[in-house]
Amino acid sequence: MTDAATQIQNLVHRYAELIDLGDFAALGQLLGRAEVGSGDHPGSLTGPEAVTAMFTSTTRRYEDGTPRTKHVTTNCIVEVDDVAGTGTCRSYFTVLQAVPALPLQPIVAGRYHDRFVREDGTWRFDERRFFIDLVGDVSQHQLVPLPSTD
């Protein structure tokens, strides 16, 4: 059996894989039982439909069905309380994009603060907070403005 920290990191990396595939329905399932929100701003959303709708309404997809991005997640700091069945992960993300209108470049970077819970031996997201630290040209990726980095 894979240890808890590896299982948690796999969930973090699965998120990156799904968004880069443009599989927003699967993202809804992955994050659907978690509270999802931006930084320390109040408010979050929950439920598979709400998560799917958020990605669908904010992220541009191209003819191949993907956003033409690569979400690179690094610096994962995982902490696990095996007795309580809870864990956290703080990580960095950098989003690269290449589209006909723009050459390959980093377009946004920031951090994820995630909480996890183990249910019936399986880990799942309990909360995901996005912190956007650096913003480049997201005009070919986002359908709406990103939250302020101030």
Protein backbone atom coordinates (compact mmCIF):
# COMPACT_ATOMS: atom_id res chain seq x y z
CA MET A 1 0.00 0.00 0.00
CA THR A 2 1.18 3.48 -0.82
CA ASP A 3 1.86 5.73 2.15
CA ALA A 4 -0.47 8.64 3.00
CA ALA A 5 1.93 11.38 1.86
CA THR A 6 2.28 9.78 -1.58
CA GLN A 7 -1.48 9.33 -1.90
CA ILE A 8 -2.00 13.00 -1.04
CA GLN A 9 0.66 14.13 -3.53
CA ASN A 10 -1.02 11.95 -6.17
CA LEU A 11 -4.29 13.84 -5.59
CA VAL A 12 -2.48 17.17 -5.98
CA HIS A 13 -0.88 15.99 -9.23
CA ARG A 14 -4.15 14.45 -10.47
CA TYR A 15 -5.69 17.94 -10.31
CA ALA A 16 -2.94 19.27 -12.63
CA GLU A 17 -3.43 16.36 -15.02
CA LEU A 18 -7.20 16.82 -15.22
CA ILE A 19 -7.15 20.58 -15.77
CA ASP A 20 -4.52 20.23 -18.50
CA LEU A 21 -6.70 17.57 -20.17
CA GLY A 22 -9.67 19.93 -20.00
CA ASP A 23 -11.64 17.28 -18.10
CA PHE A 24 -13.65 19.65 -15.95
CA ALA A 25 -16.28 17.02 -15.10
CA ALA A 26 -13.55 14.84 -13.56
CA LEU A 27 -12.23 17.92 -11.71
CA GLY A 28 -15.73 18.33 -10.32
CA GLN A 29 -15.58 14.77 -9.01
CA LEU A 30 -12.04 15.19 -7.63
CA LEU A 31 -12.86 18.41 -5.75
CA GLY A 32 -16.62 17.97 -5.41
CA ARG A 33 -16.63 17.18 -1.70
CA ALA A 34 -14.13 19.90 -0.86
CA GLU A 35 -14.47 23.60 -0.17
CA VAL A 36 -12.78 25.39 -3.07
CA GLY A 37 -11.89 29.07 -2.90
CA SER A 38 -9.44 31.82 -3.71
CA GLY A 39 -6.82 32.74 -1.14
CA ASP A 40 -8.00 34.11 2.16
CA HIS A 41 -11.07 35.67 0.54
CA PRO A 42 -14.30 34.65 2.21
CA GLY A 43 -16.51 32.26 0.36
CA SER A 44 -16.00 28.99 -1.33
CA LEU A 45 -17.92 26.57 -3.44
CA THR A 46 -18.68 22.91 -2.98
CA GLY A 47 -20.26 20.14 -4.98
CA PRO A 48 -19.23 18.47 -8.23
CA GLU A 49 -21.60 20.55 -10.36
CA ALA A 50 -20.41 23.85 -8.86
CA VAL A 51 -16.74 22.96 -9.33
CA THR A 52 -17.31 21.80 -12.91
CA ALA A 53 -19.28 24.98 -13.68
CA MET A 54 -16.51 27.17 -12.22
CA PHE A 55 -13.82 25.66 -14.46
CA THR A 56 -16.11 25.62 -17.50
CA SER A 57 -17.03 29.29 -17.10
CA THR A 58 -13.51 30.57 -16.35
CA THR A 59 -11.11 28.48 -18.45
CA ARG A 60 -10.76 28.71 -22.24
CA ARG A 61 -10.57 25.38 -24.06
CA TYR A 62 -9.26 24.96 -27.59
CA GLU A 63 -10.31 22.72 -30.51
CA ASP A 64 -8.56 19.74 -28.89
CA GLY A 65 -10.68 20.22 -25.74
CA THR A 66 -7.76 21.32 -23.59
CA PRO A 67 -6.67 24.73 -22.31
CA ARG A 68 -3.24 24.10 -23.93
CA THR A 69 -1.58 24.38 -20.52
CA LYS A 70 0.79 22.46 -18.29
CA HIS A 71 0.24 22.96 -14.56
CA VAL A 72 3.56 22.22 -12.86
CA THR A 73 3.15 21.59 -9.13
CA THR A 74 6.28 21.65 -6.96
CA ASN A 75 7.55 22.19 -3.42
CA CYS A 76 4.90 19.91 -1.90
CA ILE A 77 5.04 20.00 1.88
CA VAL A 78 2.78 17.21 3.12
CA GLU A 79 1.84 16.75 6.77
CA VAL A 80 -0.28 13.79 7.87
CA ASP A 81 -2.05 12.92 11.12
CA ASP A 82 -2.62 9.19 10.61
CA VAL A 83 -4.57 8.83 13.84
CA ALA A 84 -7.04 11.61 12.94
CA GLY A 85 -7.09 10.64 9.25
CA THR A 86 -6.28 14.18 8.14
CA GLY A 87 -3.52 15.81 6.15
CA THR A 88 -2.39 19.03 4.57
CA CYS A 89 -0.25 19.95 1.59
CA ARG A 90 1.19 23.33 0.70
CA SER A 91 2.61 23.55 -2.81
CA TYR A 92 3.61 25.92 -5.59
CA PHE A 93 2.15 25.94 -9.08
CA THR A 94 3.37 27.40 -12.35
CA VAL A 95 1.10 27.32 -15.39
CA LEU A 96 2.76 27.16 -18.80
CA GLN A 97 0.81 27.75 -21.99
CA ALA A 98 1.48 27.62 -25.73
CA VAL A 99 -1.21 28.64 -28.22
CA PRO A 100 -1.14 29.98 -31.78
CA ALA A 101 -1.47 33.55 -30.48
CA LEU A 102 1.34 33.21 -27.88
CA PRO A 103 4.59 31.25 -27.69
CA LEU A 104 5.30 28.85 -24.83
CA GLN A 105 5.53 30.90 -21.63
CA PRO A 106 4.63 30.90 -17.94
CA ILE A 107 1.30 32.69 -17.53
CA VAL A 108 0.56 32.45 -13.80
CA ALA A 109 2.21 31.18 -10.61
CA GLY A 110 1.08 30.79 -7.06
CA ARG A 111 0.36 28.38 -4.23
CA TYR A 112 -2.18 25.79 -3.19
CA HIS A 113 -3.11 25.22 0.43
CA ASP A 114 -4.95 21.92 0.63
CA ARG A 115 -6.58 19.90 3.39
CA PHE A 116 -7.34 16.20 3.04
CA VAL A 117 -9.38 13.65 4.93
CA ARG A 118 -9.21 9.85 4.87
CA GLU A 119 -12.56 8.07 4.55
CA ASP A 120 -12.78 4.29 4.46
CA GLY A 121 -9.06 4.10 3.77
CA THR A 122 -9.13 6.53 0.83
CA TRP A 123 -7.81 10.08 0.88
CA ARG A 124 -9.78 12.94 -0.69
CA PHE A 125 -9.61 16.73 -0.89
CA ASP A 126 -11.41 18.47 1.98
CA GLU A 127 -10.36 22.00 1.02
CA ARG A 128 -8.39 23.67 -1.77
CA ARG A 129 -7.35 27.33 -1.59
CA PHE A 130 -5.66 29.02 -4.57
CA PHE A 131 -3.22 31.87 -3.91
CA ILE A 132 -2.16 33.71 -7.07
CA ASP A 133 1.24 35.38 -6.65
CA LEU A 134 2.45 36.21 -10.17
CA VAL A 135 0.39 36.91 -13.29
CA GLY A 136 1.60 37.07 -16.87
CA ASP A 137 -0.46 37.08 -20.04
CA VAL A 138 -3.54 35.00 -19.17
CA SER A 139 -5.59 36.42 -22.06
CA GLN A 140 -5.53 33.09 -23.92
CA HIS A 141 -6.32 31.03 -20.81
CA GLN A 142 -8.86 32.81 -18.63
CA LEU A 143 -12.37 33.74 -19.72
CA VAL A 144 -12.72 36.07 -16.69
CA PRO A 145 -10.25 38.28 -14.79
CA LEU A 146 -8.12 36.57 -12.17
CA PRO A 147 -8.52 37.63 -8.54
CA SER A 148 -6.24 40.49 -7.55
CA THR A 149 -2.75 39.60 -6.31
CA ASP A 150 -2.75 42.64 -4.01
